[in-house]
C-alpha atoms as a PDB file:
ATOM      1  CA  MET A   1      95.964  65.381 130.025  1.00  0.00           C
ATOM      2  CA  ARG A   2      96.607  66.917 126.685  1.00  0.00           C
ATOM      3  CA  ARG A   3      99.651  66.924 124.495  1.00  0.00           C
ATOM      4  CA  CYS A   4      99.730  70.821 123.362  1.00  0.00           C
ATOM      5  CA  VAL A   5     101.900  72.492 120.765  1.00  0.00           C
ATOM      6  CA  ALA A   6     103.014  75.753 120.536  1.00  0.00           C
ATOM      7  CA  VAL A   7     102.517  77.282 116.773  1.00  0.00           C
ATOM      8  CA  THR A   8     103.769  80.417 116.031  1.00  0.00           C
ATOM      9  CA  LEU A   9     102.949  82.510 113.078  1.00  0.00           C
ATOM     10  CA  THR A  10     105.126  85.197 112.534  1.00  0.00           C
ATOM     11  CA  VAL A  11     104.891  87.082 109.372  1.00  0.00           C
ATOM     12  CA  LEU A  12     100.842  87.698 109.398  1.00  0.00           C
ATOM     13  CA  LEU A  13     100.052  91.450 109.105  1.00  0.00           C
ATOM     14  CA  THR A  14     102.888  93.068 106.864  1.00  0.00           C
ATOM     15  CA  ILE A  15     103.680  96.386 105.176  1.00  0.00           C
ATOM     16  CA  GLY A  16     105.330  96.044 101.583  1.00  0.00           C
ATOM     17  CA  SER A  17     106.261  92.398 101.895  1.00  0.00           C
ATOM     18  CA  SER A  18     105.097  89.940  99.458  1.00  0.00           C
ATOM     19  CA  SER A  19     103.105  87.053 101.235  1.00  0.00           C
ATOM     20  CA  PRO A  20     100.429  84.236 100.148  1.00  0.00           C
ATOM     21  CA  LEU A  21      97.343  83.411 100.510  1.00  0.00           C
ATOM     22  CA  ALA A  22      93.364  83.008 100.540  1.00  0.00           C
ATOM     23  CA  TYR A  23      91.047  81.606 102.941  1.00  0.00           C
ATOM     24  CA  LEU A  24      93.132  79.149 103.734  1.00  0.00           C
ATOM     25  CA  LYS A  25      92.408  77.997 107.554  1.00  0.00           C
ATOM     26  CA  LEU A  26      94.718  76.482 110.147  1.00  0.00           C
ATOM     27  CA  GLY A  27      95.460  73.335 110.899  1.00  0.00           C
ATOM     28  CA  ALA A  28      96.675  70.555 113.586  1.00  0.00           C
ATOM     29  CA  MET A  29      97.452  66.803 112.407  1.00  0.00           C
ATOM     30  CA  VAL A  30      95.641  64.398 114.800  1.00  0.00           C
ATOM     31  CA  ASN A  31      95.768  60.778 114.136  1.00  0.00           C
ATOM     32  CA  GLY A  32      97.733  60.933 111.110  1.00  0.00           C
ATOM     33  CA  ARG A  33      95.041  63.538 109.752  1.00  0.00           C
ATOM     34  CA  VAL A  34      94.835  67.015 109.328  1.00  0.00           C
ATOM     35  CA  ILE A  35      91.794  69.122 110.757  1.00  0.00           C
ATOM     36  CA  ASP A  36      90.611  72.558 111.527  1.00  0.00           C
ATOM     37  CA  ALA A  37      92.036  74.188 114.503  1.00  0.00           C
ATOM     38  CA  THR A  38      89.289  75.743 116.804  1.00  0.00           C
ATOM     39  CA  TRP A  39      88.266  77.136 119.749  1.00  0.00           C
ATOM     40  CA  ASN A  40      86.166  74.758 121.255  1.00  0.00           C
ATOM     41  CA  GLN A  41      84.135  76.841 123.304  1.00  0.00           C
ATOM     42  CA  VAL A  42      82.445  80.322 122.589  1.00  0.00           C
ATOM     43  CA  PRO A  43      82.907  83.358 124.093  1.00  0.00           C
ATOM     44  CA  ILE A  44      86.742  83.463 123.762  1.00  0.00           C
ATOM     45  CA  GLY A  45      88.081  84.995 126.638  1.00  0.00           C
ATOM     46  CA  TYR A  46      90.619  87.614 126.161  1.00  0.00           C
ATOM     47  CA  PHE A  47      92.891  90.119 128.280  1.00  0.00           C
ATOM     48  CA  ILE A  48      94.253  93.381 126.925  1.00  0.00           C
ATOM     49  CA  SER A  49      98.428  94.187 128.489  1.00  0.00           C
ATOM     50  CA  ASP A  50      98.538  97.054 130.596  1.00  0.00           C
ATOM     51  CA  ARG A  51     101.479  98.294 128.114  1.00  0.00           C
ATOM     52  CA  PRO A  52     101.308 101.194 125.871  1.00  0.00           C
ATOM     53  CA  GLY A  53     102.980 101.203 122.287  1.00  0.00           C
ATOM     54  CA  GLY A  54     103.149 103.162 118.905  1.00  0.00           C
ATOM     55  CA  GLY A  55     101.760 106.351 120.223  1.00  0.00           C
ATOM     56  CA  VAL A  56      98.116 104.728 121.268  1.00  0.00           C
ATOM     57  CA  SER A  57      97.352 103.460 125.266  1.00  0.00           C
ATOM     58  CA  ALA A  58      96.542  99.920 126.602  1.00  0.00           C
ATOM     59  CA  ILE A  59      92.708 101.690 127.224  1.00  0.00           C
ATOM     60  CA  ASP A  60      92.507 102.438 122.993  1.00  0.00           C
ATOM     61  CA  LEU A  61      93.945  98.930 122.220  1.00  0.00           C
ATOM     62  CA  ARG A  62      91.002  97.876 124.253  1.00  0.00           C
ATOM     63  CA  GLY A  63      88.670  99.961 122.313  1.00  0.00           C
ATOM     64  CA  ALA A  64      90.095  99.079 118.922  1.00  0.00           C
ATOM     65  CA  VAL A  65      89.831  94.868 119.902  1.00  0.00           C
ATOM     66  CA  GLU A  66      86.184  95.712 121.158  1.00  0.00           C
ATOM     67  CA  ARG A  67      84.962  96.941 117.933  1.00  0.00           C
ATOM     68  CA  ALA A  68      86.959  94.220 115.924  1.00  0.00           C
ATOM     69  CA  ALA A  69      85.413  91.729 117.953  1.00  0.00           C
ATOM     70  CA  ALA A  70      81.933  92.810 117.518  1.00  0.00           C
ATOM     71  CA  THR A  71      82.548  93.025 113.737  1.00  0.00           C
ATOM     72  CA  TRP A  72      83.594  89.071 113.581  1.00  0.00           C
ATOM     73  CA  SER A  73      80.439  88.611 115.953  1.00  0.00           C
ATOM     74  CA  ARG A  74      78.013  89.830 113.667  1.00  0.00           C
ATOM     75  CA  VAL A  75      78.350  87.736 110.820  1.00  0.00           C
ATOM     76  CA  GLU A  76      75.051  85.745 110.925  1.00  0.00           C
ATOM     77  CA  SER A  77      76.296  82.894 109.436  1.00  0.00           C
ATOM     78  CA  ALA A  78      78.808  82.195 111.980  1.00  0.00           C
ATOM     79  CA  ASN A  79      79.268  81.387 115.956  1.00  0.00           C
ATOM     80  CA  VAL A  80      81.606  83.483 116.557  1.00  0.00           C
ATOM     81  CA  ARG A  81      81.371  85.532 120.375  1.00  0.00           C
ATOM     82  CA  PHE A  82      84.831  86.924 122.468  1.00  0.00           C
ATOM     83  CA  THR A  83      84.643  88.166 126.160  1.00  0.00           C
ATOM     84  CA  PHE A  84      86.820  90.639 127.417  1.00  0.00           C
ATOM     85  CA  GLN A  85      88.494  89.430 131.229  1.00  0.00           C
ATOM     86  CA  GLY A  86      90.460  92.281 132.196  1.00  0.00           C
ATOM     87  CA  MET A  87      93.481  94.471 131.683  1.00  0.00           C
ATOM     88  CA  THR A  88      96.947  92.111 132.529  1.00  0.00           C
ATOM     89  CA  SER A  89     100.635  93.217 133.332  1.00  0.00           C
ATOM     90  CA  ALA A  90     100.929  89.825 131.438  1.00  0.00           C
ATOM     91  CA  ALA A  91     103.087  90.415 127.620  1.00  0.00           C
ATOM     92  CA  ALA A  92     101.215  89.108 124.539  1.00  0.00           C
ATOM     93  CA  GLU A  93     103.671  86.792 124.499  1.00  0.00           C
ATOM     94  CA  GLY A  94     104.577  83.035 125.944  1.00  0.00           C
ATOM     95  CA  PHE A  95     101.961  80.648 126.665  1.00  0.00           C
ATOM     96  CA  ASP A  96     100.761  81.394 130.447  1.00  0.00           C
ATOM     97  CA  GLY A  97      96.963  79.886 130.307  1.00  0.00           C
ATOM     98  CA  GLN A  98      95.896  83.136 128.919  1.00  0.00           C
ATOM     99  CA  THR A  99      94.967  84.578 125.724  1.00  0.00           C
ATOM    100  CA  THR A 100      96.363  88.460 125.865  1.00  0.00           C
ATOM    101  CA  LEU A 101      96.779  91.203 123.377  1.00  0.00           C
ATOM    102  CA  GLY A 102      98.999  93.761 123.500  1.00  0.00           C
ATOM    103  CA  PHE A 103     101.983  96.220 122.039  1.00  0.00           C
ATOM    104  CA  ILE A 104     105.514  95.230 122.033  1.00  0.00           C
ATOM    105  CA  ASP A 105     108.433  96.590 120.220  1.00  0.00           C
ATOM    106  CA  ARG A 106     109.748  94.456 117.456  1.00  0.00           C
ATOM    107  CA  PRO A 107     112.567  96.277 115.616  1.00  0.00           C
ATOM    108  CA  ASP A 108     114.076  93.086 114.286  1.00  0.00           C
ATOM    109  CA  LEU A 109     110.658  92.889 112.604  1.00  0.00           C
ATOM    110  CA  ASP A 110     110.225  95.661 110.508  1.00  0.00           C
ATOM    111  CA  ARG A 111     107.722  95.206 108.306  1.00  0.00           C
ATOM    112  CA  VAL A 112     105.535  93.090 110.522  1.00  0.00           C
ATOM    113  CA  LEU A 113     102.519  94.936 111.930  1.00  0.00           C
ATOM    114  CA  GLY A 114     101.349  92.050 114.159  1.00  0.00           C
ATOM    115  CA  ALA A 115     101.060  88.628 114.860  1.00  0.00           C
ATOM    116  CA  THR A 116      99.232  85.874 116.530  1.00  0.00           C
ATOM    117  CA  SER A 117     100.627  82.756 117.900  1.00  0.00           C
ATOM    118  CA  PHE A 118      98.370  79.458 119.501  1.00  0.00           C
ATOM    119  CA  LEU A 119      99.150  76.392 121.574  1.00  0.00           C
ATOM    120  CA  ILE A 120      97.105  73.847 119.847  1.00  0.00           C
ATOM    121  CA  ASP A 121      95.721  70.927 121.266  1.00  0.00           C
ATOM    122  CA  THR A 122      97.237  67.870 119.388  1.00  0.00           C
ATOM    123  CA  THR A 123      94.849  64.948 120.517  1.00  0.00           C
ATOM    124  CA  SER A 124      91.864  67.105 119.123  1.00  0.00           C
ATOM    125  CA  GLY A 125      92.993  70.059 117.493  1.00  0.00           C
ATOM    126  CA  ALA A 126      91.217  72.699 119.890  1.00  0.00           C
ATOM    127  CA  ILE A 127      92.796  75.961 120.218  1.00  0.00           C
ATOM    128  CA  ALA A 128      93.826  75.883 124.088  1.00  0.00           C
ATOM    129  CA  GLU A 129      95.316  79.736 123.956  1.00  0.00           C
ATOM    130  CA  ALA A 130      96.350  82.399 122.041  1.00  0.00           C
ATOM    131  CA  ASP A 131      98.139  85.693 121.815  1.00  0.00           C
ATOM    132  CA  ILE A 132      98.280  88.533 119.498  1.00  0.00           C
ATOM    133  CA  PHE A 133     100.886  91.126 119.599  1.00  0.00           C
ATOM    134  CA  PHE A 134     101.031  94.445 117.887  1.00  0.00           C
ATOM    135  CA  ASN A 135     104.363  95.822 117.032  1.00  0.00           C
ATOM    136  CA  SER A 136     105.318  99.026 119.230  1.00  0.00           C
ATOM    137  CA  ARG A 137     107.589 100.031 116.314  1.00  0.00           C
ATOM    138  CA  PHE A 138     104.939 101.701 114.053  1.00  0.00           C
ATOM    139  CA  ALA A 139     102.882 104.440 114.701  1.00  0.00           C
ATOM    140  CA  PHE A 140      98.944 103.775 115.039  1.00  0.00           C
ATOM    141  CA  SER A 141      95.585 105.381 114.893  1.00  0.00           C
ATOM    142  CA  VAL A 142      92.592 104.978 116.801  1.00  0.00           C
ATOM    143  CA  ALA A 143      90.897 108.045 115.362  1.00  0.00           C
ATOM    144  CA  ALA A 144      87.389 107.565 114.092  1.00  0.00           C
ATOM    145  CA  ASN A 145      88.274 108.306 109.770  1.00  0.00           C
ATOM    146  CA  GLY A 146      92.264 107.426 110.596  1.00  0.00           C
ATOM    147  CA  GLN A 147      95.028 109.697 109.816  1.00  0.00           C
ATOM    148  CA  PRO A 148      97.424 109.734 106.898  1.00  0.00           C
ATOM    149  CA  ASP A 149     100.534 109.184 108.786  1.00  0.00           C
ATOM    150  CA  ARG A 150      99.509 106.674 111.221  1.00  0.00           C
ATOM    151  CA  VAL A 151      98.715 102.567 110.334  1.00  0.00           C
ATOM    152  CA  ASP A 152      94.873 102.304 111.535  1.00  0.00           C
ATOM    153  CA  LEU A 153      95.059  99.704 114.676  1.00  0.00           C
ATOM    154  CA  GLU A 154      91.156  98.250 114.733  1.00  0.00           C
ATOM    155  CA  SER A 155      92.233  97.342 110.833  1.00  0.00           C
ATOM    156  CA  VAL A 156      95.538  95.267 111.806  1.00  0.00           C
ATOM    157  CA  VAL A 157      93.486  93.863 114.704  1.00  0.00           C
ATOM    158  CA  LEU A 158      90.167  92.863 112.706  1.00  0.00           C
ATOM    159  CA  HIS A 159      93.070  90.652 110.744  1.00  0.00           C
ATOM    160  CA  GLU A 160      94.719  89.390 114.071  1.00  0.00           C
ATOM    161  CA  LEU A 161      91.360  88.176 115.075  1.00  0.00           C
ATOM    162  CA  GLY A 162      90.617  86.224 111.869  1.00  0.00           C
ATOM    163  CA  HIS A 163      93.821  84.373 112.918  1.00  0.00           C
ATOM    164  CA  LEU A 164      93.392  83.889 116.104  1.00  0.00           C
ATOM    165  CA  LEU A 165      89.984  82.304 115.134  1.00  0.00           C
ATOM    166  CA  GLY A 166      91.702  79.948 112.812  1.00  0.00           C
ATOM    167  CA  LEU A 167      92.118  81.476 109.478  1.00  0.00           C
ATOM    168  CA  GLY A 168      94.972  81.911 107.362  1.00  0.00           C
ATOM    169  CA  HIS A 169      95.429  84.477 104.720  1.00  0.00           C
ATOM    170  CA  SER A 170      93.243  85.218 101.505  1.00  0.00           C
ATOM    171  CA  ALA A 171      95.316  85.635  98.146  1.00  0.00           C
ATOM    172  CA  ILE A 172      92.271  87.802  96.765  1.00  0.00           C
ATOM    173  CA  GLY A 173      94.178  91.264  96.295  1.00  0.00           C
ATOM    174  CA  GLU A 174      96.372  93.101  93.979  1.00  0.00           C
ATOM    175  CA  THR A 175      99.610  94.346  94.560  1.00  0.00           C
ATOM    176  CA  GLU A 176     102.462  96.368  92.756  1.00  0.00           C
ATOM    177  CA  ARG A 177     106.192  96.682  93.620  1.00  0.00           C
ATOM    178  CA  ASN A 178     107.886 100.029  94.091  1.00  0.00           C
ATOM    179  CA  ALA A 179     111.630 100.823  93.229  1.00  0.00           C
ATOM    180  CA  THR A 180     112.623  99.658  96.817  1.00  0.00           C
ATOM    181  CA  GLY A 181     111.406  96.232  95.629  1.00  0.00           C
ATOM    182  CA  SER A 182     108.398  96.362  98.371  1.00  0.00           C
ATOM    183  CA  ARG A 183     104.999  95.839  97.508  1.00  0.00           C
ATOM    184  CA  ARG A 184     101.678  98.191  97.728  1.00  0.00           C
ATOM    185  CA  VAL A 185      98.607  97.164  97.643  1.00  0.00           C
ATOM    186  CA  ILE A 186      96.042  98.041  94.859  1.00  0.00           C
ATOM    187  CA  GLY A 187      93.100  96.665  95.696  1.00  0.00           C
ATOM    188  CA  SER A 188      91.984  93.901  98.286  1.00  0.00           C
ATOM    189  CA  GLY A 189      89.098  91.665  98.298  1.00  0.00           C
ATOM    190  CA  ALA A 190      89.705  90.426 101.916  1.00  0.00           C
ATOM    191  CA  VAL A 191      90.609  91.532 105.360  1.00  0.00           C
ATOM    192  CA  MET A 192      92.529  88.327 105.531  1.00  0.00           C
ATOM    193  CA  PHE A 193      94.963  89.171 102.540  1.00  0.00           C
ATOM    194  CA  PRO A 194      98.183  89.609 104.163  1.00  0.00           C
ATOM    195  CA  ILE A 195      99.750  92.894 102.932  1.00  0.00           C
ATOM    196  CA  ALA A 196      98.363  96.276 104.732  1.00  0.00           C
ATOM    197  CA  HIS A 197      97.219  99.173 102.870  1.00  0.00           C
ATOM    198  CA  SER A 198      98.903 102.233 103.199  1.00  0.00           C
ATOM    199  CA  SER A 199      98.898 104.216 106.351  1.00  0.00           C
ATOM    200  CA  GLY A 200      95.379 106.507 106.948  1.00  0.00           C
ATOM    201  CA  ALA A 201      93.324 103.763 105.422  1.00  0.00           C
ATOM    202  CA  THR A 202      90.617 102.299 107.068  1.00  0.00           C
ATOM    203  CA  ALA A 203      88.671  99.911 104.387  1.00  0.00           C
ATOM    204  CA  ASP A 204      89.972  97.024 106.100  1.00  0.00           C
ATOM    205  CA  ARG A 205      87.419  97.878 108.837  1.00  0.00           C
ATOM    206  CA  VAL A 206      85.133  96.056 107.423  1.00  0.00           C
ATOM    207  CA  LEU A 207      84.791  92.347 106.368  1.00  0.00           C
ATOM    208  CA  GLN A 208      84.238  90.742 102.676  1.00  0.00           C
ATOM    209  CA  ALA A 209      82.887  87.685 100.888  1.00  0.00           C
ATOM    210  CA  ASP A 210      85.776  85.454 101.082  1.00  0.00           C
ATOM    211  CA  ASP A 211      86.645  86.576 105.470  1.00  0.00           C
ATOM    212  CA  ILE A 212      82.779  85.564 105.740  1.00  0.00           C
ATOM    213  CA  ALA A 213      82.907  82.233 103.869  1.00  0.00           C
ATOM    214  CA  GLY A 214      85.876  81.030 105.868  1.00  0.00           C
ATOM    215  CA  ILE A 215      84.620  82.516 109.206  1.00  0.00           C
ATOM    216  CA  SER A 216      81.220  80.582 108.487  1.00  0.00           C
ATOM    217  CA  ASP A 217      82.953  77.505 107.324  1.00  0.00           C
ATOM    218  CA  LEU A 218      85.030  76.963 110.339  1.00  0.00           C
ATOM    219  CA  TYR A 219      82.243  78.345 113.324  1.00  0.00           C
ATOM    220  CA  PRO A 220      78.908  77.266 111.275  1.00  0.00           C
ATOM    221  CA  GLY A 221      75.830  79.365 113.013  1.00  0.00           C
ATOM    222  CA  ARG A 222      72.876  77.341 114.586  1.00  0.00           C
ATOM    223  CA  ALA A 223      70.605  78.639 111.380  1.00  0.00           C
ATOM    224  CA  PRO A 224      70.519  76.576 108.305  1.00  0.00           C
ATOM    225  CA  LEU A 225      72.916  78.672 105.748  1.00  0.00           C
ATOM    226  CA  ASP A 226      71.161  79.328 102.045  1.00  0.00           C
ATOM    227  CA  THR A 227      74.424  78.553 100.286  1.00  0.00           C
ATOM    228  CA  GLY A 228      76.322  76.514  97.890  1.00  0.00           C
ATOM    229  CA  GLY A 229      79.442  75.117  96.875  1.00  0.00           C
ATOM    230  CA  ILE A 230      81.255  74.413  94.136  1.00  0.00           C
ATOM    231  CA  VAL A 231      84.138  71.212  93.236  1.00  0.00           C
ATOM    232  CA  GLY A 232      86.857  70.441  90.715  1.00  0.00           C
ATOM    233  CA  ARG A 233      89.786  69.837  89.830  1.00  0.00           C
ATOM    234  CA  VAL A 234      93.115  72.006  88.348  1.00  0.00           C
ATOM    235  CA  THR A 235      94.961  69.858  86.175  1.00  0.00           C
ATOM    236  CA  LYS A 236      98.053  70.263  83.956  1.00  0.00           C
ATOM    237  CA  ASN A 237      98.696  68.179  81.225  1.00  0.00           C
ATOM    238  CA  GLY A 238      96.238  65.502  82.565  1.00  0.00           C
ATOM    239  CA  ALA A 239      97.909  65.967  86.209  1.00  0.00           C
ATOM    240  CA  GLY A 240      96.979  67.452  89.061  1.00  0.00           C
ATOM    241  CA  VAL A 241      98.229  70.948  90.282  1.00  0.00           C
ATOM    242  CA  THR A 242      98.968  71.375  93.947  1.00  0.00           C
ATOM    243  CA  GLY A 243      98.471  75.018  95.118  1.00  0.00           C
ATOM    244  CA  ALA A 244      96.914  76.817  92.687  1.00  0.00           C
ATOM    245  CA  HIS A 245      94.367  79.578  93.554  1.00  0.00           C
ATOM    246  CA  VAL A 246      91.066  79.411  92.086  1.00  0.00           C
ATOM    247  CA  VAL A 247      88.734  82.091  92.578  1.00  0.00           C
ATOM    248  CA  ALA A 248      84.952  82.202  92.045  1.00  0.00           C
ATOM    249  CA  PHE A 249      83.355  85.705  91.125  1.00  0.00           C
ATOM    250  CA  ASN A 250      79.615  85.960  90.748  1.00  0.00           C
ATOM    251  CA  PRO A 251      79.436  88.954  87.636  1.00  0.00           C
ATOM    252  CA  GLU A 252      75.779  89.763  89.510  1.00  0.00           C
ATOM    253  CA  THR A 253      76.659  90.715  92.883  1.00  0.00           C
ATOM    254  CA  GLY A 254      80.768  90.986  92.397  1.00  0.00           C
ATOM    255  CA  ILE A 255      81.231  88.748  95.311  1.00  0.00           C
ATOM    256  CA  LEU A 256      84.810  87.027  95.079  1.00  0.00           C
ATOM    257  CA  VAL A 257      85.423  84.099  97.164  1.00  0.00           C
ATOM    258  CA  GLY A 258      89.003  81.654  96.905  1.00  0.00           C
ATOM    259  CA  ASN A 259      90.135  78.384  97.640  1.00  0.00           C
ATOM    260  CA  PHE A 260      93.447  76.413  97.150  1.00  0.00           C
ATOM    261  CA  THR A 261      93.946  72.870  95.415  1.00  0.00           C
ATOM    262  CA  LEU A 262      95.679  71.441  98.416  1.00  0.00           C
ATOM    263  CA  ASN A 263      96.279  68.355  96.840  1.00  0.00           C
ATOM    264  CA  SER A 264      98.124  66.046  94.251  1.00  0.00           C
ATOM    265  CA  GLN A 265      94.601  65.410  92.259  1.00  0.00           C
ATOM    266  CA  GLY A 266      94.386  69.367  92.206  1.00  0.00           C
ATOM    267  CA  GLU A 267      91.245  69.042  94.093  1.00  0.00           C
ATOM    268  CA  PHE A 268      89.385  72.370  94.918  1.00  0.00           C
ATOM    269  CA  VAL A 269      86.190  73.270  97.065  1.00  0.00           C
ATOM    270  CA  ILE A 270      84.802  76.326  97.524  1.00  0.00           C
ATOM    271  CA  ALA A 271      81.952  76.741 100.125  1.00  0.00           C
ATOM    272  CA  ARG A 272      79.938  79.086 101.874  1.00  0.00           C
ATOM    273  CA  LEU A 273      78.845  80.779  98.171  1.00  0.00           C
ATOM    274  CA  PRO A 274      75.461  82.354  97.872  1.00  0.00           C
ATOM    275  CA  PRO A 275      73.600  80.613  94.861  1.00  0.00           C
ATOM    276  CA  GLY A 276      74.069  81.312  91.953  1.00  0.00           C
ATOM    277  CA  PRO A 277      76.242  81.750  88.531  1.00  0.00           C
ATOM    278  CA  TYR A 278      80.308  82.006  89.070  1.00  0.00           C
ATOM    279  CA  ILE A 279      83.087  83.002  87.090  1.00  0.00           C
ATOM    280  CA  LEU A 280      86.171  80.499  87.719  1.00  0.00           C
ATOM    281  CA  ARG A 281      89.649  82.114  87.755  1.00  0.00           C
ATOM    282  CA  VAL A 282      92.438  80.140  88.151  1.00  0.00           C
ATOM    283  CA  GLU A 283      96.077  81.544  88.681  1.00  0.00           C
ATOM    284  CA  PRO A 284      99.639  80.878  90.310  1.00  0.00           C
ATOM    285  CA  LEU A 285     101.062  81.723  93.399  1.00  0.00           C
ATOM    286  CA  ASP A 286     104.247  82.979  91.327  1.00  0.00           C
ATOM    287  CA  ASP A 287     104.627  86.239  93.147  1.00  0.00           C
ATOM    288  CA  ALA A 288     104.456  84.970  96.682  1.00  0.00           C
ATOM    289  CA  ASP A 289     106.562  83.077  99.160  1.00  0.00           C
ATOM    290  CA  PRO A 290     104.099  80.050  99.805  1.00  0.00           C
ATOM    291  CA  ASP A 291     106.844  78.041 102.267  1.00  0.00           C
ATOM    292  CA  SER A 292     105.096  78.738 105.206  1.00  0.00           C
ATOM    293  CA  PHE A 293     101.909  77.686 104.031  1.00  0.00           C
ATOM    294  CA  PHE A 294     102.597  74.816 101.881  1.00  0.00           C
ATOM    295  CA  PRO A 295     105.072  71.875 103.797  1.00  0.00           C
ATOM    296  CA  ALA A 296     105.820  70.784  99.915  1.00  0.00           C
ATOM    297  CA  ALA A 297     106.633  72.217  96.951  1.00  0.00           C
ATOM    298  CA  ILE A 298     103.918  73.611  94.803  1.00  0.00           C
ATOM    299  CA  ASP A 299     103.241  74.466  91.083  1.00  0.00           C
ATOM    300  CA  THR A 300     103.760  77.830  89.535  1.00  0.00           C
ATOM    301  CA  ASP A 301     104.530  76.916  86.032  1.00  0.00           C
ATOM    302  CA  PHE A 302     101.276  78.169  84.191  1.00  0.00           C
ATOM    303  CA  ARG A 303      99.060  80.297  82.470  1.00  0.00           C
ATOM    304  CA  VAL A 304      96.606  82.244  84.276  1.00  0.00           C
ATOM    305  CA  THR A 305      93.083  80.265  83.448  1.00  0.00           C
ATOM    306  CA  TYR A 306      89.425  80.787  83.395  1.00  0.00           C
ATOM    307  CA  ALA A 307      87.145  77.635  84.018  1.00  0.00           C
ATOM    308  CA  PRO A 308      85.391  76.791  80.080  1.00  0.00           C
ATOM    309  CA  ARG A 309      81.924  77.672  81.334  1.00  0.00           C
ATOM    310  CA  MET A 310      80.104  79.059  84.328  1.00  0.00           C
ATOM    311  CA  VAL A 311      79.522  77.313  87.130  1.00  0.00           C
ATOM    312  CA  VAL A 312      76.169  77.153  89.376  1.00  0.00           C
ATOM    313  CA  ALA A 313      76.767  76.995  93.420  1.00  0.00           C
ATOM    314  CA  PRO A 314      73.319  75.467  94.100  1.00  0.00           C
ATOM    315  CA  HIS A 315      70.874  76.234  96.962  1.00  0.00           C
ATOM    316  CA  GLY A 316      71.795  73.523  99.893  1.00  0.00           C
ATOM    317  CA  GLY A 317      74.584  71.543  97.572  1.00  0.00           C
ATOM    318  CA  SER A 318      77.906  71.690  95.565  1.00  0.00           C
ATOM    319  CA  SER A 319      78.082  71.746  91.583  1.00  0.00           C
ATOM    320  CA  PRO A 320      79.036  68.808  89.440  1.00  0.00           C
ATOM    321  CA  SER A 321      82.847  68.959  89.639  1.00  0.00           C
ATOM    322  CA  ILE A 322      84.537  70.726  86.833  1.00  0.00           C
ATOM    323  CA  GLU A 323      87.794  70.119  85.655  1.00  0.00           C
ATOM    324  CA  ILE A 324      89.581  73.123  84.500  1.00  0.00           C
ATOM    325  CA  ARG A 325      93.072  72.626  82.308  1.00  0.00           C
ATOM    326  CA  VAL A 326      96.086  74.880  82.716  1.00  0.00           C
ATOM    327  CA  GLN A 327      99.056  75.067  80.414  1.00  0.00           C
ATOM    328  CA  ALA A 328     102.587  75.710  80.819  1.00  0.00           C
ATOM    329  CA  LYS A 329     104.093  78.944  80.675  1.00  0.00           C
END
């Protein structure tokens, strides 16, 4: 008999709020250790709720989901597939044995465009069921080129399907505060960045390097990949820094892939990188609220720092470990 636990992510893709993170993966505690929460079998079957919302019909939602699912499935280095199982009158919430996507009116979540909830088997870490709701208090669009006064539904679906697959947020992006204290996206380097682009934008219909690295790590394809990895530590005064955001930038291709130091030793791994030289940048998460992602306190009292040298991600292996020393602000 499976022992399952419900895990709900309630602030996943937002408008103007500040939330972390880099391609973090969702995890489950199994026999005292944390393992990746993933689906054991593909294709992943899903239903579409027949309720309209946000000025969009259920059939329009189905089309947006099919397009977004196809985008994730086209990642050649990952084994990801979806299958539509039918329309349903069930709401996209609660745990009823099926994975459902649909509209729900949540005026209490006035900045949340969508959210994903899971039922995870705690004996294996496998995702047993998931639901995604899209907040119908927002005006959505399925227009091919977007609509200036509406949120692009396909972009939101693509982000939420990333969560459904087991990806957390990416911190590769830049925002600025406006007069009301909310945030506007200046630039985003990942579909999994937690703050949405302005209404009408369709840029997040396209996966970027950080998204592809994350999904390839969770669901590696059968063919061997010509990729490498970078490993190292972030330290301050000789001690490891927990929760530092480390970004690898390839100056030849412009690729950006990030990850975090997730233990007290300050160790990090950035995997699934196209082989080549990378500049490493370490930054604190000092403009976000990481409580939902890091169960313990993290260190944000340090300055943005670059590695003392470029690091090469080798073909089929990992770099020698590099130490990046940061200083307190």
